[in-house]
């Protein structure tokens, strides 16, 4: 079963963030705990770690702003 990669809420007032870049290519191997993507909010840029190990399927492209809770990709 695939694990959804959700745009996280990094701060109390954060409602959306920009997906700056994927740090793993589509179809690439992902290891739990390693940086998966970079997320920009109005206050900072942070790397978000992979929650599980597996193969990444990218659903949303970088350079766009998405609401907190948006499914950005899947790891299966």
PDB file of N, CA and C in Angstrom:
ATOM      1  N   UNK A   1       0.838  -1.185   0.000  1.00  0.00           N
ATOM      2  CA  UNK A   1       0.000   0.000   0.000  1.00  0.00           C
ATOM      3  C   UNK A   1       0.888   1.255   0.000  1.00  0.00           C
ATOM      4  N   UNK A   2       0.521   2.235  -0.798  1.00  0.00           N
ATOM      5  CA  UNK A   2       1.308   3.463  -0.931  1.00  0.00           C
ATOM      6  C   UNK A   2       1.071   4.399   0.252  1.00  0.00           C
ATOM      7  N   UNK A   3       2.131   5.111   0.631  1.00  0.00           N
ATOM      8  CA  UNK A   3       2.048   6.139   1.660  1.00  0.00           C
ATOM      9  C   UNK A   3       2.007   7.494   0.969  1.00  0.00           C
ATOM     10  N   UNK A   4       0.986   8.296   1.275  1.00  0.00           N
ATOM     11  CA  UNK A   4       0.861   9.613   0.665  1.00  0.00           C
ATOM     12  C   UNK A   4       1.855  10.585   1.291  1.00  0.00           C
ATOM     13  N   UNK A   5       2.449  11.423   0.460  1.00  0.00           N
ATOM     14  CA  UNK A   5       3.326  12.498   0.910  1.00  0.00           C
ATOM     15  C   UNK A   5       2.472  13.761   0.924  1.00  0.00           C
ATOM     16  N   UNK A   6       2.228  14.265   2.129  1.00  0.00           N
ATOM     17  CA  UNK A   6       1.340  15.407   2.332  1.00  0.00           C
ATOM     18  C   UNK A   6       2.159  16.667   2.592  1.00  0.00           C
ATOM     19  N   UNK A   7       1.709  17.810   2.058  1.00  0.00           N
ATOM     20  CA  UNK A   7       2.354  19.073   2.370  1.00  0.00           C
ATOM     21  C   UNK A   7       2.075  19.369   3.851  1.00  0.00           C
ATOM     22  N   UNK A   8       3.145  19.417   4.672  1.00  0.00           N
ATOM     23  CA  UNK A   8       2.953  19.569   6.117  1.00  0.00           C
ATOM     24  C   UNK A   8       2.730  21.020   6.530  1.00  0.00           C
ATOM     25  N   UNK A   9       2.147  21.187   7.703  1.00  0.00           N
ATOM     26  CA  UNK A   9       1.982  22.508   8.309  1.00  0.00           C
ATOM     27  C   UNK A   9       3.205  22.737   9.183  1.00  0.00           C
ATOM     28  N   UNK A  10       4.093  23.653   8.773  1.00  0.00           N
ATOM     29  CA  UNK A  10       5.358  23.876   9.469  1.00  0.00           C
ATOM     30  C   UNK A  10       5.262  24.932  10.555  1.00  0.00           C
ATOM     31  N   UNK A  11       4.221  25.729  10.529  1.00  0.00           N
ATOM     32  CA  UNK A  11       4.046  26.772  11.538  1.00  0.00           C
ATOM     33  C   UNK A  11       2.582  26.959  11.840  1.00  0.00           C
ATOM     34  N   UNK A  12       2.303  27.589  12.960  1.00  0.00           N
ATOM     35  CA  UNK A  12       0.920  27.770  13.414  1.00  0.00           C
ATOM     36  C   UNK A  12       0.052  28.466  12.374  1.00  0.00           C
ATOM     37  N   UNK A  13       0.598  29.495  11.732  1.00  0.00           N
ATOM     38  CA  UNK A  13      -0.204  30.291  10.801  1.00  0.00           C
ATOM     39  C   UNK A  13      -0.052  29.861   9.341  1.00  0.00           C
ATOM     40  N   UNK A  14       0.694  28.802   9.095  1.00  0.00           N
ATOM     41  CA  UNK A  14       0.927  28.364   7.713  1.00  0.00           C
ATOM     42  C   UNK A  14      -0.316  27.698   7.120  1.00  0.00           C
ATOM     43  N   UNK A  15      -0.762  28.216   5.961  1.00  0.00           N
ATOM     44  CA  UNK A  15      -1.905  27.644   5.251  1.00  0.00           C
ATOM     45  C   UNK A  15      -1.518  27.065   3.900  1.00  0.00           C
ATOM     46  N   UNK A  16      -0.361  27.500   3.382  1.00  0.00           N
ATOM     47  CA  UNK A  16       0.120  27.020   2.087  1.00  0.00           C
ATOM     48  C   UNK A  16       1.635  27.140   2.057  1.00  0.00           C
ATOM     49  N   UNK A  17       2.228  26.454   1.103  1.00  0.00           N
ATOM     50  CA  UNK A  17       3.676  26.513   0.934  1.00  0.00           C
ATOM     51  C   UNK A  17       4.036  26.206  -0.501  1.00  0.00           C
ATOM     52  N   UNK A  18       5.238  26.625  -0.900  1.00  0.00           N
ATOM     53  CA  UNK A  18       5.695  26.364  -2.258  1.00  0.00           C
ATOM     54  C   UNK A  18       6.638  25.163  -2.251  1.00  0.00           C
ATOM     55  N   UNK A  19       6.333  24.200  -3.088  1.00  0.00           N
ATOM     56  CA  UNK A  19       7.206  23.048  -3.282  1.00  0.00           C
ATOM     57  C   UNK A  19       8.393  23.533  -4.110  1.00  0.00           C
ATOM     58  N   UNK A  20       9.537  23.753  -3.438  1.00  0.00           N
ATOM     59  CA  UNK A  20      10.712  24.310  -4.115  1.00  0.00           C
ATOM     60  C   UNK A  20      11.343  23.312  -5.064  1.00  0.00           C
ATOM     61  N   UNK A  21      11.588  22.105  -4.556  1.00  0.00           N
ATOM     62  CA  UNK A  21      12.210  21.072  -5.398  1.00  0.00           C
ATOM     63  C   UNK A  21      12.065  19.699  -4.755  1.00  0.00           C
ATOM     64  N   UNK A  22      12.017  18.703  -5.599  1.00  0.00           N
ATOM     65  CA  UNK A  22      12.105  17.316  -5.151  1.00  0.00           C
ATOM     66  C   UNK A  22      13.584  16.983  -5.052  1.00  0.00           C
ATOM     67  N   UNK A  23      13.986  16.319  -3.991  1.00  0.00           N
ATOM     68  CA  UNK A  23      15.380  15.942  -3.802  1.00  0.00           C
ATOM     69  C   UNK A  23      15.644  14.511  -4.261  1.00  0.00           C
ATOM     70  N   UNK A  24      14.572  13.828  -4.685  1.00  0.00           N
ATOM     71  CA  UNK A  24      14.644  12.478  -5.250  1.00  0.00           C
ATOM     72  C   UNK A  24      13.854  12.514  -6.552  1.00  0.00           C
ATOM     73  N   UNK A  25      14.362  11.889  -7.586  1.00  0.00           N
ATOM     74  CA  UNK A  25      13.683  11.874  -8.885  1.00  0.00           C
ATOM     75  C   UNK A  25      12.455  10.967  -8.856  1.00  0.00           C
ATOM     76  N   UNK A  26      11.508  11.250  -9.753  1.00  0.00           N
ATOM     77  CA  UNK A  26      10.324  10.409  -9.902  1.00  0.00           C
ATOM     78  C   UNK A  26      10.770   8.987 -10.238  1.00  0.00           C
ATOM     79  N   UNK A  27      10.263   8.021  -9.499  1.00  0.00           N
ATOM     80  CA  UNK A  27      10.646   6.624  -9.699  1.00  0.00           C
ATOM     81  C   UNK A  27      11.904   6.236  -8.941  1.00  0.00           C
ATOM     82  N   UNK A  28      12.478   7.209  -8.220  1.00  0.00           N
ATOM     83  CA  UNK A  28      13.714   6.955  -7.478  1.00  0.00           C
ATOM     84  C   UNK A  28      13.469   6.269  -6.147  1.00  0.00           C
ATOM     85  N   UNK A  29      14.527   5.645  -5.636  1.00  0.00           N
ATOM     86  CA  UNK A  29      14.461   4.972  -4.341  1.00  0.00           C
ATOM     87  C   UNK A  29      14.551   6.005  -3.222  1.00  0.00           C
ATOM     88  N   UNK A  30      13.698   5.830  -2.215  1.00  0.00           N
ATOM     89  CA  UNK A  30      13.615   6.731  -1.071  1.00  0.00           C
ATOM     90  C   UNK A  30      13.916   5.925   0.186  1.00  0.00           C
ATOM     91  N   UNK A  31      14.678   6.517   1.100  1.00  0.00           N
ATOM     92  CA  UNK A  31      14.963   5.889   2.389  1.00  0.00           C
ATOM     93  C   UNK A  31      14.322   6.725   3.487  1.00  0.00           C
ATOM     94  N   UNK A  32      13.594   6.076   4.384  1.00  0.00           N
ATOM     95  CA  UNK A  32      12.935   6.774   5.487  1.00  0.00           C
ATOM     96  C   UNK A  32      13.939   7.615   6.259  1.00  0.00           C
ATOM     97  N   UNK A  33      13.550   8.862   6.565  1.00  0.00           N
ATOM     98  CA  UNK A  33      14.395   9.750   7.337  1.00  0.00           C
ATOM     99  C   UNK A  33      15.339  10.609   6.521  1.00  0.00           C
ATOM    100  N   UNK A  34      15.466  10.325   5.235  1.00  0.00           N
ATOM    101  CA  UNK A  34      16.326  11.136   4.372  1.00  0.00           C
ATOM    102  C   UNK A  34      15.503  12.255   3.723  1.00  0.00           C
ATOM    103  N   UNK A  35      16.134  13.407   3.419  1.00  0.00           N
ATOM    104  CA  UNK A  35      15.413  14.523   2.803  1.00  0.00           C
ATOM    105  C   UNK A  35      14.735  14.110   1.492  1.00  0.00           C
ATOM    106  N   UNK A  36      13.457  14.505   1.368  1.00  0.00           N
ATOM    107  CA  UNK A  36      12.650  14.123   0.214  1.00  0.00           C
ATOM    108  C   UNK A  36      12.342  15.314  -0.694  1.00  0.00           C
ATOM    109  N   UNK A  37      11.964  16.446  -0.083  1.00  0.00           N
ATOM    110  CA  UNK A  37      11.673  17.652  -0.856  1.00  0.00           C
ATOM    111  C   UNK A  37      11.936  18.893  -0.023  1.00  0.00           C
ATOM    112  N   UNK A  38      12.088  20.030  -0.726  1.00  0.00           N
ATOM    113  CA  UNK A  38      12.283  21.323  -0.068  1.00  0.00           C
ATOM    114  C   UNK A  38      10.974  22.097  -0.156  1.00  0.00           C
ATOM    115  N   UNK A  39      10.580  22.694   0.975  1.00  0.00           N
ATOM    116  CA  UNK A  39       9.312  23.408   1.078  1.00  0.00           C
ATOM    117  C   UNK A  39       9.570  24.823   1.567  1.00  0.00           C
ATOM    118  N   UNK A  40       9.051  25.801   0.829  1.00  0.00           N
ATOM    119  CA  UNK A  40       9.190  27.213   1.207  1.00  0.00           C
ATOM    120  C   UNK A  40       7.886  27.708   1.787  1.00  0.00           C
ATOM    121  N   UNK A  41       7.972  28.300   2.973  1.00  0.00           N
ATOM    122  CA  UNK A  41       6.821  29.008   3.535  1.00  0.00           C
ATOM    123  C   UNK A  41       7.170  30.484   3.516  1.00  0.00           C
ATOM    124  N   UNK A  42       6.291  31.335   4.044  1.00  0.00           N
ATOM    125  CA  UNK A  42       6.591  32.761   4.025  1.00  0.00           C
ATOM    126  C   UNK A  42       7.747  33.123   4.954  1.00  0.00           C
ATOM    127  N   UNK A  43       8.132  32.224   5.843  1.00  0.00           N
ATOM    128  CA  UNK A  43       9.197  32.529   6.796  1.00  0.00           C
ATOM    129  C   UNK A  43      10.502  31.779   6.559  1.00  0.00           C
ATOM    130  N   UNK A  44      10.473  30.618   5.923  1.00  0.00           N
ATOM    131  CA  UNK A  44      11.698  29.833   5.781  1.00  0.00           C
ATOM    132  C   UNK A  44      11.582  28.787   4.678  1.00  0.00           C
ATOM    133  N   UNK A  45      12.725  28.168   4.377  1.00  0.00           N
ATOM    134  CA  UNK A  45      12.762  27.014   3.486  1.00  0.00           C
ATOM    135  C   UNK A  45      13.283  25.843   4.302  1.00  0.00           C
ATOM    136  N   UNK A  46      12.577  24.716   4.246  1.00  0.00           N
ATOM    137  CA  UNK A  46      12.976  23.537   5.010  1.00  0.00           C
ATOM    138  C   UNK A  46      12.936  22.300   4.133  1.00  0.00           C
ATOM    139  N   UNK A  47      13.822  21.372   4.449  1.00  0.00           N
ATOM    140  CA  UNK A  47      13.769  20.060   3.802  1.00  0.00           C
ATOM    141  C   UNK A  47      12.859  19.175   4.629  1.00  0.00           C
ATOM    142  N   UNK A  48      12.017  18.417   3.939  1.00  0.00           N
ATOM    143  CA  UNK A  48      11.092  17.509   4.594  1.00  0.00           C
ATOM    144  C   UNK A  48      11.560  16.088   4.331  1.00  0.00           C
ATOM    145  N   UNK A  49      11.647  15.291   5.391  1.00  0.00           N
ATOM    146  CA  UNK A  49      12.159  13.926   5.287  1.00  0.00           C
ATOM    147  C   UNK A  49      11.079  12.936   4.854  1.00  0.00           C
ATOM    148  N   UNK A  50      11.522  11.858   4.230  1.00  0.00           N
ATOM    149  CA  UNK A  50      10.629  10.785   3.819  1.00  0.00           C
ATOM    150  C   UNK A  50      10.135  10.025   5.049  1.00  0.00           C
ATOM    151  N   UNK A  51       8.835   9.753   5.137  1.00  0.00           N
ATOM    152  CA  UNK A  51       8.301   9.026   6.282  1.00  0.00           C
ATOM    153  C   UNK A  51       8.550   7.516   6.215  1.00  0.00           C
ATOM    154  N   UNK A  52       8.720   6.989   5.020  1.00  0.00           N
ATOM    155  CA  UNK A  52       8.927   5.554   4.815  1.00  0.00           C
ATOM    156  C   UNK A  52       9.924   5.337   3.675  1.00  0.00           C
ATOM    157  N   UNK A  53      10.404   4.114   3.535  1.00  0.00           N
ATOM    158  CA  UNK A  53      11.278   3.745   2.416  1.00  0.00           C
ATOM    159  C   UNK A  53      10.447   3.152   1.289  1.00  0.00           C
ATOM    160  N   UNK A  54      10.923   3.307   0.057  1.00  0.00           N
ATOM    161  CA  UNK A  54      10.228   2.741  -1.091  1.00  0.00           C
ATOM    162  C   UNK A  54      10.574   3.485  -2.359  1.00  0.00           C
ATOM    163  N   UNK A  55       9.637   3.499  -3.308  1.00  0.00           N
ATOM    164  CA  UNK A  55       9.814   4.149  -4.601  1.00  0.00           C
ATOM    165  C   UNK A  55       8.890   5.358  -4.686  1.00  0.00           C
ATOM    166  N   UNK A  56       9.446   6.505  -5.081  1.00  0.00           N
ATOM    167  CA  UNK A  56       8.694   7.761  -5.130  1.00  0.00           C
ATOM    168  C   UNK A  56       7.921   7.901  -6.433  1.00  0.00           C
ATOM    169  N   UNK A  57       6.661   8.313  -6.306  1.00  0.00           N
ATOM    170  CA  UNK A  57       5.845   8.705  -7.458  1.00  0.00           C
ATOM    171  C   UNK A  57       5.444  10.156  -7.218  1.00  0.00           C
ATOM    172  N   UNK A  58       5.936  11.067  -8.062  1.00  0.00           N
ATOM    173  CA  UNK A  58       5.659  12.493  -7.923  1.00  0.00           C
ATOM    174  C   UNK A  58       4.307  12.821  -8.557  1.00  0.00           C
ATOM    175  N   UNK A  59       3.450  13.517  -7.789  1.00  0.00           N
ATOM    176  CA  UNK A  59       2.130  13.915  -8.279  1.00  0.00           C
ATOM    177  C   UNK A  59       2.033  15.414  -8.533  1.00  0.00           C
ATOM    178  N   UNK A  60       2.821  16.220  -7.796  1.00  0.00           N
ATOM    179  CA  UNK A  60       2.784  17.688  -7.940  1.00  0.00           C
ATOM    180  C   UNK A  60       4.171  18.191  -8.312  1.00  0.00           C
ATOM    181  N   UNK A  61       4.206  19.192  -9.169  1.00  0.00           N
ATOM    182  CA  UNK A  61       5.467  19.713  -9.688  1.00  0.00           C
ATOM    183  C   UNK A  61       6.010  20.854  -8.835  1.00  0.00           C
ATOM    184  N   UNK A  62       7.338  20.989  -8.757  1.00  0.00           N
ATOM    185  CA  UNK A  62       7.939  22.080  -8.000  1.00  0.00           C
ATOM    186  C   UNK A  62       7.689  23.436  -8.658  1.00  0.00           C
ATOM    187  N   UNK A  63       7.850  24.480  -7.838  1.00  0.00           N
ATOM    188  CA  UNK A  63       7.650  25.837  -8.337  1.00  0.00           C
ATOM    189  C   UNK A  63       6.225  26.324  -8.179  1.00  0.00           C
ATOM    190  N   UNK A  64       5.355  25.473  -7.646  1.00  0.00           N
ATOM    191  CA  UNK A  64       3.952  25.833  -7.443  1.00  0.00           C
ATOM    192  C   UNK A  64       3.648  25.923  -5.950  1.00  0.00           C
ATOM    193  N   UNK A  65       2.633  26.703  -5.608  1.00  0.00           N
ATOM    194  CA  UNK A  65       2.179  26.834  -4.223  1.00  0.00           C
ATOM    195  C   UNK A  65       0.960  25.950  -4.027  1.00  0.00           C
ATOM    196  N   UNK A  66       0.975  25.185  -2.931  1.00  0.00           N
ATOM    197  CA  UNK A  66      -0.112  24.262  -2.618  1.00  0.00           C
ATOM    198  C   UNK A  66      -0.590  24.485  -1.191  1.00  0.00           C
ATOM    199  N   UNK A  67      -1.842  24.140  -0.916  1.00  0.00           N
ATOM    200  CA  UNK A  67      -2.394  24.250   0.429  1.00  0.00           C
ATOM    201  C   UNK A  67      -1.861  23.136   1.313  1.00  0.00           C
ATOM    202  N   UNK A  68      -1.775  23.433   2.617  1.00  0.00           N
ATOM    203  CA  UNK A  68      -1.400  22.416   3.596  1.00  0.00           C
ATOM    204  C   UNK A  68      -2.366  21.235   3.443  1.00  0.00           C
ATOM    205  N   UNK A  69      -1.840  20.020   3.453  1.00  0.00           N
ATOM    206  CA  UNK A  69      -2.666  18.820   3.312  1.00  0.00           C
ATOM    207  C   UNK A  69      -2.745  18.286   1.900  1.00  0.00           C
ATOM    208  N   UNK A  70      -2.227  19.035   0.915  1.00  0.00           N
ATOM    209  CA  UNK A  70      -2.225  18.579  -0.474  1.00  0.00           C
ATOM    210  C   UNK A  70      -1.317  17.350  -0.611  1.00  0.00           C
ATOM    211  N   UNK A  71      -1.775  16.354  -1.348  1.00  0.00           N
ATOM    212  CA  UNK A  71      -0.961  15.167  -1.615  1.00  0.00           C
ATOM    213  C   UNK A  71       0.029  15.520  -2.726  1.00  0.00           C
ATOM    214  N   UNK A  72       1.311  15.510  -2.379  1.00  0.00           N
ATOM    215  CA  UNK A  72       2.370  15.891  -3.328  1.00  0.00           C
ATOM    216  C   UNK A  72       2.913  14.699  -4.100  1.00  0.00           C
ATOM    217  N   UNK A  73       2.853  13.524  -3.493  1.00  0.00           N
ATOM    218  CA  UNK A  73       3.397  12.317  -4.113  1.00  0.00           C
ATOM    219  C   UNK A  73       3.044  11.104  -3.281  1.00  0.00           C
ATOM    220  N   UNK A  74       3.571   9.963  -3.682  1.00  0.00           N
ATOM    221  CA  UNK A  74       3.334   8.690  -2.983  1.00  0.00           C
ATOM    222  C   UNK A  74       4.632   7.902  -2.940  1.00  0.00           C
ATOM    223  N   UNK A  75       4.788   7.137  -1.880  1.00  0.00           N
ATOM    224  CA  UNK A  75       5.902   6.199  -1.783  1.00  0.00           C
ATOM    225  C   UNK A  75       5.298   4.808  -1.643  1.00  0.00           C
ATOM    226  N   UNK A  76       5.700   3.914  -2.542  1.00  0.00           N
ATOM    227  CA  UNK A  76       5.180   2.533  -2.473  1.00  0.00           C
ATOM    228  C   UNK A  76       6.320   1.543  -2.413  1.00  0.00           C
TER     229      UNK A  76
END
